[in-house]
Protein backbone atom coordinates (compact mmCIF):
# COMPACT_ATOMS: atom_id res chain seq x y z
CA MET A 1 115.48 127.89 74.78
CA PRO A 2 111.83 128.82 75.58
CA TRP A 3 109.78 125.74 76.42
CA LYS A 4 107.35 126.25 73.52
CA GLU A 5 110.20 126.15 71.01
CA LEU A 6 111.65 123.09 72.72
CA TYR A 7 108.28 121.36 72.57
CA GLN A 8 107.92 122.00 68.83
CA GLN A 9 111.48 120.87 68.23
CA ARG A 10 110.82 117.54 69.99
CA LEU A 11 107.37 116.92 68.49
CA THR A 12 107.31 113.76 66.37
CA THR A 13 105.26 110.72 65.42
CA ALA A 14 104.90 107.54 67.43
CA GLY A 15 106.73 105.58 64.74
CA GLU A 16 109.70 107.92 64.84
CA ALA A 17 109.72 108.19 68.64
CA VAL A 18 110.10 104.45 69.31
CA LYS A 19 113.27 104.41 67.20
CA ALA A 20 114.96 105.90 70.26
CA ILE A 21 114.59 102.51 71.97
CA GLN A 22 117.53 100.16 71.50
CA SER A 23 118.02 96.43 71.86
CA HIS A 24 118.81 95.08 75.34
CA GLN A 25 117.31 98.11 77.08
CA ARG A 26 114.84 98.16 79.94
CA VAL A 27 111.74 100.24 79.12
CA PHE A 28 109.08 101.39 81.57
CA LEU A 29 105.48 101.45 80.32
CA THR A 30 103.03 103.50 82.35
CA GLY A 31 99.95 101.53 83.37
CA ASN A 32 96.31 101.64 84.42
CA CYS A 33 94.22 103.92 82.17
CA SER A 34 97.32 105.89 81.18
CA VAL A 35 98.87 103.40 78.75
CA PRO A 36 100.14 105.43 75.74
CA ARG A 37 98.17 103.57 73.09
CA GLU A 38 99.75 104.92 69.90
CA ILE A 39 103.31 104.64 71.19
CA LEU A 40 102.60 101.08 72.33
CA ASN A 41 101.21 100.13 68.92
CA ALA A 42 104.22 101.69 67.19
CA LEU A 43 106.61 99.77 69.44
CA VAL A 44 104.84 96.48 68.77
CA GLU A 45 105.12 97.14 65.03
CA TYR A 46 108.74 98.29 65.20
CA ALA A 47 110.16 95.60 67.49
CA PRO A 48 110.06 92.42 65.36
CA GLN A 49 112.42 93.76 62.71
CA ASN A 50 114.54 96.10 64.81
CA LEU A 51 114.80 95.12 68.47
CA GLU A 52 116.12 92.20 70.49
CA ASN A 53 115.76 91.40 74.16
CA VAL A 54 113.98 94.58 75.29
CA GLU A 55 112.49 94.26 78.77
CA ILE A 56 109.17 96.05 79.33
CA ILE A 57 108.53 96.98 82.97
CA GLU A 58 104.83 97.47 83.64
CA VAL A 59 102.41 97.64 86.57
CA LEU A 60 98.71 96.81 86.10
CA THR A 61 98.39 97.82 82.48
CA VAL A 62 95.12 98.26 80.61
CA GLU A 63 94.94 97.46 76.88
CA ALA A 64 98.56 96.28 76.64
CA SER A 65 97.95 92.63 75.73
CA SER A 66 99.71 93.07 72.38
CA LEU A 67 103.03 93.14 74.22
CA VAL A 68 102.77 89.45 75.08
CA ASP A 69 101.86 88.23 71.60
CA PRO A 70 103.94 85.11 70.88
CA SER A 71 105.33 86.76 67.73
CA LEU A 72 107.25 89.20 69.92
CA GLN A 73 109.26 86.55 71.78
CA GLY A 74 112.93 87.41 71.61
CA HIS A 75 112.11 91.03 70.83
CA LEU A 76 109.99 92.32 73.73
CA ARG A 77 109.50 90.60 77.08
CA VAL A 78 107.16 91.91 79.75
CA ASN A 79 108.25 92.02 83.39
CA SER A 80 105.12 92.76 85.40
CA LEU A 81 105.35 94.14 88.93
CA PHE A 82 101.60 93.65 89.41
CA ILE A 83 99.91 91.20 87.07
CA SER A 84 96.88 92.44 85.17
CA GLY A 85 94.47 90.33 83.17
CA ASP A 86 96.06 91.18 79.84
CA VAL A 87 99.39 89.53 80.74
CA ARG A 88 98.28 86.88 83.28
CA ASN A 89 98.32 83.93 80.91
CA ALA A 90 101.69 84.93 79.47
CA VAL A 91 103.21 85.09 82.96
CA ASN A 92 101.88 81.66 83.90
CA GLU A 93 102.98 80.18 80.58
CA GLY A 94 106.52 81.49 81.06
CA ARG A 95 106.32 83.99 78.18
CA ALA A 96 106.46 86.96 80.56
CA ASP A 97 108.02 87.60 83.95
CA PHE A 98 106.70 88.64 87.34
CA THR A 99 108.69 90.47 90.01
CA PRO A 100 107.08 90.36 93.49
CA VAL A 101 107.44 93.69 95.29
CA PHE A 102 105.50 95.99 97.61
CA LEU A 103 103.95 98.91 95.75
CA SER A 104 105.74 101.35 98.05
CA GLN A 105 109.09 99.91 96.94
CA ILE A 106 108.52 99.77 93.18
CA PRO A 107 109.95 103.24 92.47
CA LEU A 108 113.05 102.34 94.48
CA LEU A 109 113.75 99.55 91.99
CA TYR A 110 113.96 102.09 89.18
CA ARG A 111 116.87 103.68 90.98
CA GLY A 112 118.64 100.36 91.56
CA ALA A 113 117.93 96.75 90.60
CA LEU A 114 115.59 97.69 87.72
CA SER A 115 117.21 100.84 86.40
CA VAL A 116 115.21 102.29 83.51
CA ASP A 117 116.67 103.21 80.13
CA ALA A 118 113.48 104.63 78.63
CA ALA A 119 110.01 105.55 79.88
CA LEU A 120 106.83 105.52 77.79
CA ILE A 121 104.26 107.80 79.40
CA GLN A 122 101.08 109.79 78.73
CA VAL A 123 100.59 113.35 79.96
CA SER A 124 98.27 116.33 79.75
CA PRO A 125 99.18 119.26 77.46
CA PRO A 126 101.71 121.66 78.99
CA ASP A 127 100.41 124.56 81.07
CA ASN A 128 101.52 128.17 80.68
CA HIS A 129 104.77 127.36 82.46
CA GLY A 130 105.65 124.30 80.41
CA PHE A 131 104.59 121.66 82.94
CA CYS A 132 102.63 118.57 81.90
CA SER A 133 100.65 116.53 84.42
CA PHE A 134 100.93 112.76 84.63
CA GLY A 135 97.17 112.79 85.01
CA VAL A 136 95.43 109.64 86.22
CA GLU A 137 98.64 107.69 86.95
CA VAL A 138 101.32 109.35 89.04
CA GLY A 139 102.12 106.54 91.49
CA VAL A 140 104.69 104.39 89.71
CA THR A 141 105.24 106.67 86.72
CA LYS A 142 106.74 109.91 88.00
CA THR A 143 109.88 108.33 89.44
CA ALA A 144 110.40 106.17 86.36
CA ALA A 145 110.25 109.28 84.15
CA GLU A 146 112.68 111.09 86.44
CA VAL A 147 115.35 108.38 86.27
CA ALA A 148 114.94 107.23 82.65
CA HIS A 149 117.59 108.30 80.15
CA THR A 150 114.94 108.76 77.44
CA VAL A 151 111.33 109.85 77.99
CA ILE A 152 108.73 109.43 75.25
CA ALA A 153 105.34 110.98 75.99
CA GLU A 154 101.94 111.00 74.39
CA VAL A 155 100.30 114.39 74.93
CA ASN A 156 96.55 113.90 75.21
CA PRO A 157 94.05 116.76 75.73
CA ASN A 158 91.72 114.20 77.35
CA MET A 159 94.20 113.50 80.12
CA PRO A 160 93.06 115.38 83.25
CA ARG A 161 95.48 117.80 84.83
CA THR A 162 95.82 116.32 88.29
CA LEU A 163 97.53 118.25 91.05
CA GLY A 164 100.00 117.30 93.77
CA ASP A 165 103.48 115.94 93.03
CA SER A 166 102.28 115.13 89.54
CA PHE A 167 104.17 117.25 87.02
CA ILE A 168 107.00 116.93 84.54
CA HIS A 169 108.48 119.85 82.60
CA VAL A 170 108.70 119.89 78.83
CA SER A 171 112.50 120.07 79.10
CA ASP A 172 112.54 116.65 80.78
CA ILE A 173 110.74 114.91 77.91
CA ASP A 174 112.75 113.89 74.85
CA HIS A 175 109.98 113.06 72.36
CA PHE A 176 106.37 114.29 72.19
CA VAL A 177 103.62 112.49 70.31
CA GLU A 178 100.33 114.37 70.13
CA VAL A 179 97.21 112.18 70.36
CA ASP A 180 93.52 112.72 70.95
CA TYR A 181 91.47 109.81 72.32
CA LEU A 182 89.35 109.18 75.40
CA LEU A 183 90.86 107.30 78.31
CA PRO A 184 89.53 103.80 79.03
CA SER A 185 86.48 103.82 81.29
CA PHE A 186 85.75 101.49 84.21
CA PRO A 187 82.19 102.04 85.40
CA MET A 188 81.11 101.00 88.87
CA GLY A 189 79.03 97.86 88.87
CA LYS A 190 76.22 97.18 91.27
CA PRO A 191 77.59 95.10 94.18
CA SER A 192 76.27 91.56 94.42
CA PRO A 193 74.11 90.66 97.45
CA ILE A 194 77.13 89.02 99.09
CA GLN A 195 79.36 92.03 98.43
CA ASP A 196 76.59 94.24 99.77
CA GLN A 197 76.49 92.29 103.04
CA ILE A 198 80.26 92.50 103.37
CA GLY A 199 80.09 96.23 102.72
CA GLN A 200 77.56 96.67 105.54
CA HIS A 201 79.78 94.80 108.01
CA ILE A 202 82.81 96.90 107.08
CA ALA A 203 80.84 100.15 107.24
CA ASN A 204 79.84 99.28 110.81
CA LEU A 205 83.54 99.17 111.72
CA ILE A 206 84.22 102.65 110.32
CA GLU A 207 83.98 105.48 112.84
CA ASP A 208 83.43 109.18 112.29
CA GLY A 209 86.74 110.88 111.58
CA SER A 210 88.29 107.83 109.91
CA THR A 211 90.64 108.03 106.93
CA LEU A 212 90.00 105.41 104.26
CA GLN A 213 92.05 103.37 101.90
CA THR A 214 89.49 102.70 99.20
CA GLY A 215 89.78 100.77 95.99
CA ILE A 216 87.80 99.60 93.00
CA GLY A 217 85.43 96.66 92.81
CA GLY A 218 82.23 95.35 94.31
CA ILE A 219 83.27 95.33 97.96
CA PRO A 220 84.82 98.86 98.08
CA ASP A 221 81.81 100.18 96.18
CA ALA A 222 79.46 98.48 98.63
CA VAL A 223 81.31 99.97 101.61
CA LEU A 224 81.01 103.48 100.20
CA ARG A 225 77.26 103.04 99.74
CA TYR A 226 76.83 102.53 103.50
CA LEU A 227 78.84 105.52 104.72
CA GLY A 228 76.20 108.18 104.14
CA ASP A 229 75.56 108.64 107.87
CA LYS A 230 79.25 109.06 108.78
CA LYS A 231 80.98 112.36 109.48
CA ASP A 232 84.36 113.88 108.67
CA LEU A 233 85.80 110.99 106.69
CA GLY A 234 89.06 111.34 104.78
CA VAL A 235 90.82 109.50 101.98
CA HIS A 236 94.46 108.42 101.77
CA THR A 237 94.69 105.58 99.28
CA GLU A 238 96.73 104.13 96.44
CA LEU A 239 93.69 104.50 94.15
CA PHE A 240 90.08 105.58 94.18
CA SER A 241 87.16 105.42 91.80
CA ASP A 242 83.83 107.10 91.13
CA GLY A 243 82.24 106.02 94.41
CA VAL A 244 84.16 108.67 96.33
CA ILE A 245 82.54 111.53 94.42
CA ASP A 246 79.05 111.18 95.91
CA LEU A 247 80.45 111.16 99.46
CA VAL A 248 82.49 114.29 98.71
CA GLU A 249 79.46 116.07 97.30
CA SER A 250 77.33 115.09 100.32
CA GLY A 251 80.01 116.36 102.73
CA VAL A 252 80.71 112.95 104.30
CA ILE A 253 84.26 113.01 102.93
CA ASN A 254 85.80 116.36 103.85
CA ASN A 255 89.25 115.21 105.07
CA ARG A 256 89.04 117.52 108.11
CA ALA A 257 90.11 114.86 110.62
CA LYS A 258 93.32 114.00 108.75
CA THR A 259 96.59 115.03 110.35
CA ILE A 260 98.65 114.66 107.19
CA HIS A 261 97.40 116.58 104.13
CA ASN A 262 94.46 117.93 106.05
CA GLY A 263 91.56 118.75 103.75
CA LYS A 264 92.98 116.78 100.80
CA ILE A 265 92.29 113.44 99.13
CA ILE A 266 95.65 111.73 98.61
CA ALA A 267 96.19 108.94 96.06
CA GLY A 268 98.68 107.50 93.61
CA PHE A 269 96.28 106.95 90.73
CA VAL A 270 92.60 106.91 89.82
CA LEU A 271 90.61 104.36 87.86
CA GLY A 272 87.03 104.95 86.77
CA THR A 273 84.80 106.74 84.29
CA GLN A 274 84.80 110.10 82.58
CA ARG A 275 82.90 111.46 85.58
CA LEU A 276 85.93 110.69 87.74
CA TYR A 277 88.38 112.14 85.22
CA ASP A 278 86.34 115.35 85.13
CA PHE A 279 86.21 115.41 88.95
CA VAL A 280 89.99 115.22 89.42
CA ASP A 281 90.83 117.63 86.60
CA ASP A 282 92.52 120.69 88.10
CA ASN A 283 90.76 119.98 91.42
CA PRO A 284 92.69 121.34 94.44
CA LEU A 285 90.85 118.85 96.67
CA VAL A 286 92.73 115.95 95.09
CA GLU A 287 96.49 115.42 95.14
CA LEU A 288 98.28 112.57 93.40
CA HIS A 289 101.77 111.55 94.53
CA PRO A 290 104.31 108.81 93.79
CA THR A 291 103.69 105.51 95.59
CA GLU A 292 106.94 105.64 97.57
CA TYR A 293 105.20 108.53 99.33
CA VAL A 294 101.52 107.55 99.28
CA ASN A 295 102.18 103.95 100.32
CA ASN A 296 104.78 104.69 102.97
CA PRO A 297 103.38 102.94 106.09
CA VAL A 298 104.91 105.54 108.38
CA LEU A 299 103.12 108.32 106.49
CA ILE A 300 99.86 106.36 106.36
CA ALA A 301 100.00 105.83 110.12
CA GLN A 302 100.01 109.57 110.78
CA ASN A 303 96.29 109.62 110.00
CA PRO A 304 94.30 108.59 113.10
CA LYS A 305 91.60 105.95 112.65
CA MET A 306 93.17 104.80 109.40
CA VAL A 307 90.98 102.09 107.83
CA ALA A 308 92.66 99.83 105.26
CA ILE A 309 90.30 97.61 103.26
CA ASN A 310 91.93 94.87 101.22
CA SER A 311 90.84 91.64 99.60
CA ALA A 312 92.01 88.04 99.61
CA ILE A 313 91.74 84.92 97.50
CA GLU A 314 91.84 82.67 100.56
CA ILE A 315 92.76 82.80 104.24
CA ASP A 316 93.75 79.93 106.50
CA LEU A 317 92.59 79.26 110.05
CA THR A 318 95.64 80.96 111.56
CA GLY A 319 95.02 84.19 109.61
CA GLN A 320 97.52 83.83 106.77
CA VAL A 321 96.27 85.72 103.72
CA CYS A 322 96.86 84.75 100.11
CA ALA A 323 95.87 87.52 97.73
CA ASP A 324 98.19 87.17 94.75
CA SER A 325 97.95 83.56 93.55
CA ILE A 326 95.56 80.65 93.18
CA GLY A 327 97.76 77.89 94.48
CA PRO A 328 100.93 78.17 92.38
CA ARG A 329 99.17 80.06 89.56
CA LEU A 330 100.21 83.70 89.76
CA TYR A 331 97.19 85.97 89.66
CA SER A 332 98.07 89.57 90.59
CA GLY A 333 100.62 90.85 93.13
CA VAL A 334 100.91 92.20 96.62
CA GLY A 335 100.23 95.75 95.44
CA GLY A 336 99.70 98.08 98.38
CA GLN A 337 97.99 95.60 100.70
CA VAL A 338 100.85 95.19 103.16
CA ASP A 339 101.79 98.88 102.96
CA PHE A 340 98.31 99.91 104.09
CA ILE A 341 97.71 97.03 106.49
CA ARG A 342 100.85 98.00 108.37
CA GLY A 343 100.12 101.71 108.14
CA ALA A 344 96.65 101.15 109.57
CA GLU A 345 97.87 98.93 112.40
CA MET A 346 100.34 101.64 113.43
CA SER A 347 97.65 104.33 113.25
CA LYS A 348 95.99 105.46 116.48
CA GLY A 349 92.62 103.73 116.38
CA GLY A 350 93.43 102.22 112.98
CA LYS A 351 91.66 99.17 111.56
CA PRO A 352 93.32 96.89 108.99
CA ILE A 353 90.59 94.85 107.31
CA ILE A 354 90.75 91.82 105.00
CA ALA A 355 87.45 91.28 103.18
CA LEU A 356 86.41 88.29 101.07
CA PRO A 357 83.29 86.32 100.17
CA ALA A 358 83.06 83.12 102.19
CA THR A 359 83.01 80.92 99.07
CA ALA A 360 84.19 80.74 95.47
CA LYS A 361 83.05 78.80 92.40
CA GLY A 362 79.38 79.46 92.96
CA GLY A 363 79.49 78.35 96.57
CA GLY A 364 81.33 75.13 95.88
CA LEU A 365 84.63 76.11 97.48
CA SER A 366 85.36 77.70 100.86
CA ARG A 367 87.74 80.64 100.83
CA ILE A 368 88.42 80.13 104.52
CA VAL A 369 90.60 77.02 104.57
CA GLY A 370 92.43 74.82 107.03
CA GLN A 371 95.69 75.43 105.19
CA LEU A 372 96.54 77.51 102.13
CA ARG A 373 96.73 75.54 98.92
CA PRO A 374 100.17 74.18 97.99
CA GLY A 375 102.08 76.87 96.15
CA ALA A 376 99.93 79.73 97.44
CA GLY A 377 101.85 82.84 98.43
CA VAL A 378 101.41 84.47 101.83
CA THR A 379 100.63 88.08 100.95
CA THR A 380 99.88 89.27 104.49
CA THR A 381 101.22 87.32 107.45
CA ARG A 382 99.05 86.14 110.32
CA ASN A 383 100.87 88.65 112.51
CA ASP A 384 99.48 91.60 110.54
CA VAL A 385 95.84 90.53 110.30
CA HIS A 386 93.40 92.31 112.61
CA PHE A 387 89.91 92.01 111.09
CA VAL A 388 88.57 89.50 108.58
CA VAL A 389 85.13 90.14 107.10
CA THR A 390 82.83 87.87 105.10
CA GLU A 391 79.10 88.10 104.46
CA TYR A 392 78.65 86.14 107.72
CA GLY A 393 80.29 88.72 109.96
CA VAL A 394 83.55 90.00 111.39
CA ALA A 395 86.39 87.99 112.95
CA ALA A 396 88.69 90.06 115.17
CA LEU A 397 92.03 88.21 115.21
CA HIS A 398 94.55 90.65 116.64
CA GLY A 399 95.91 89.44 119.98
CA ARG A 400 94.04 86.13 119.68
CA THR A 401 95.54 82.67 120.06
CA ILE A 402 95.54 80.21 117.18
CA ARG A 403 92.67 78.39 118.88
CA GLU A 404 90.65 81.61 119.15
CA ARG A 405 91.50 82.60 115.58
CA ALA A 406 90.38 79.26 114.19
CA ARG A 407 87.07 79.47 116.03
CA ALA A 408 86.48 83.08 114.98
CA LEU A 409 87.17 82.30 111.31
CA ILE A 410 85.00 79.18 111.34
CA ASN A 411 82.17 81.34 112.68
CA ILE A 412 82.29 83.58 109.57
CA ALA A 413 82.81 80.75 107.08
CA HIS A 414 79.89 79.54 104.99
CA PRO A 415 77.73 77.21 107.15
CA ASP A 416 78.15 74.39 104.61
CA PHE A 417 81.89 74.27 105.32
CA ARG A 418 82.03 74.87 109.06
CA GLU A 419 81.98 71.22 110.07
CA GLU A 420 84.76 70.42 107.61
CA LEU A 421 86.80 73.36 108.90
CA GLU A 422 86.29 72.20 112.49
CA GLN A 423 87.69 68.82 111.50
CA HIS A 424 90.71 70.49 109.84
CA ALA A 425 91.27 72.58 112.95
CA TYR A 426 91.15 69.50 115.15
CA GLU A 427 93.57 67.57 112.92
CA LEU A 428 95.97 70.52 112.99
CA ASN A 429 95.71 70.72 116.81
CA TYR A 430 94.25 74.21 116.61
CA ILE A 431 91.12 73.38 118.62
CA PRO A 432 90.02 70.51 120.87
CA ARG A 433 87.74 67.88 119.37
CA ALA A 434 84.73 69.15 121.29
CA PHE A 435 84.27 72.40 119.38
CA SER A 436 82.06 74.70 121.40
CA GLY A 437 80.85 76.82 118.51
CA VAL A 438 80.90 79.88 120.79
CA ASP A 439 81.24 83.10 118.83
CA VAL A 440 84.45 84.70 120.10
CA THR A 441 84.45 87.55 117.55
């Protein structure tokens, strides 16, 4: 049957489409700015009277808080593979689940331990050949749609047609729901003075010809602001935002030094404003791919001078990084941090970087600590940490002893906490009592 006829035959409403979901199934919900809003609302309305024990697999969703409404207990239960703000309280209250996993391995779960019965996705309208693009979220969505028994898709003319390994044919979608609304927008904020200082320190570590793992937030935005004098930078990242556009237009990011996907920006998803969505639409410069590909450390390492920039909630004096919890309270997930840290450390001339402000709670709490808080998860081990950056400078830890690491990290802690950290280090037998204070970074 011609694809246009097939499309019309499978065109329906959101309310009718969600009737394909059955009790006790596992359903994937695409995340980020690609959450299919009308299908989600229809499911939330349909579930209380018609469904029991449906597991919703999601990764960093936006505008999906209705799924964890207490009224849906027993009907829908979220299992988050990376906790976003809209489900964080539910996870910590036991009303939703969290599955720890590296981002590079999430799609592998769909083919095994977390096999998917149905996938709820959002796509661009089909092209002349019947192919729809997954748009702004390819990373964890494409594989889920490939393995799901039932695929329900919103077709949105506002979804950009991104290129790369980012397409699904009309024949592989069981139900189409046509919608027309703008994608959520996440504008870049102006970095704080502390984030700005951290960005300057990181920018000084980045050499001409480097390939970057960027992200979204104050520190990544600050880094990008200080790269205007660099040459031949590239991008290979799980996500990028608006900040990349200015560097592309100025010629700083041209991807010429990359050895894998030379001349291309490679990512799994994008998160930003309409300017970004317009930039990636049908743009041959940008390719989006599934995360089992983008986040493969072996692939990442093929780019020389790979720079991975990741954040942390706290780091102890040996270099252990906690980035996914505040003590025992689950906050986010490992995401792609370890994938890119390990890819960068295997890269020729690569630089894995952990960046964090020196304090939290308005300066009342040091984020460099003697020991991680009880219950805190170790996201990145001390063995993988090379550079730690705060507003007070850079600590180079790779190849350093515990004594040298402790001293280097104390040197970039907030001055108000250095004496306390020295005492912790002494009590833990990391440094001798007579701390020299020599900067070994």
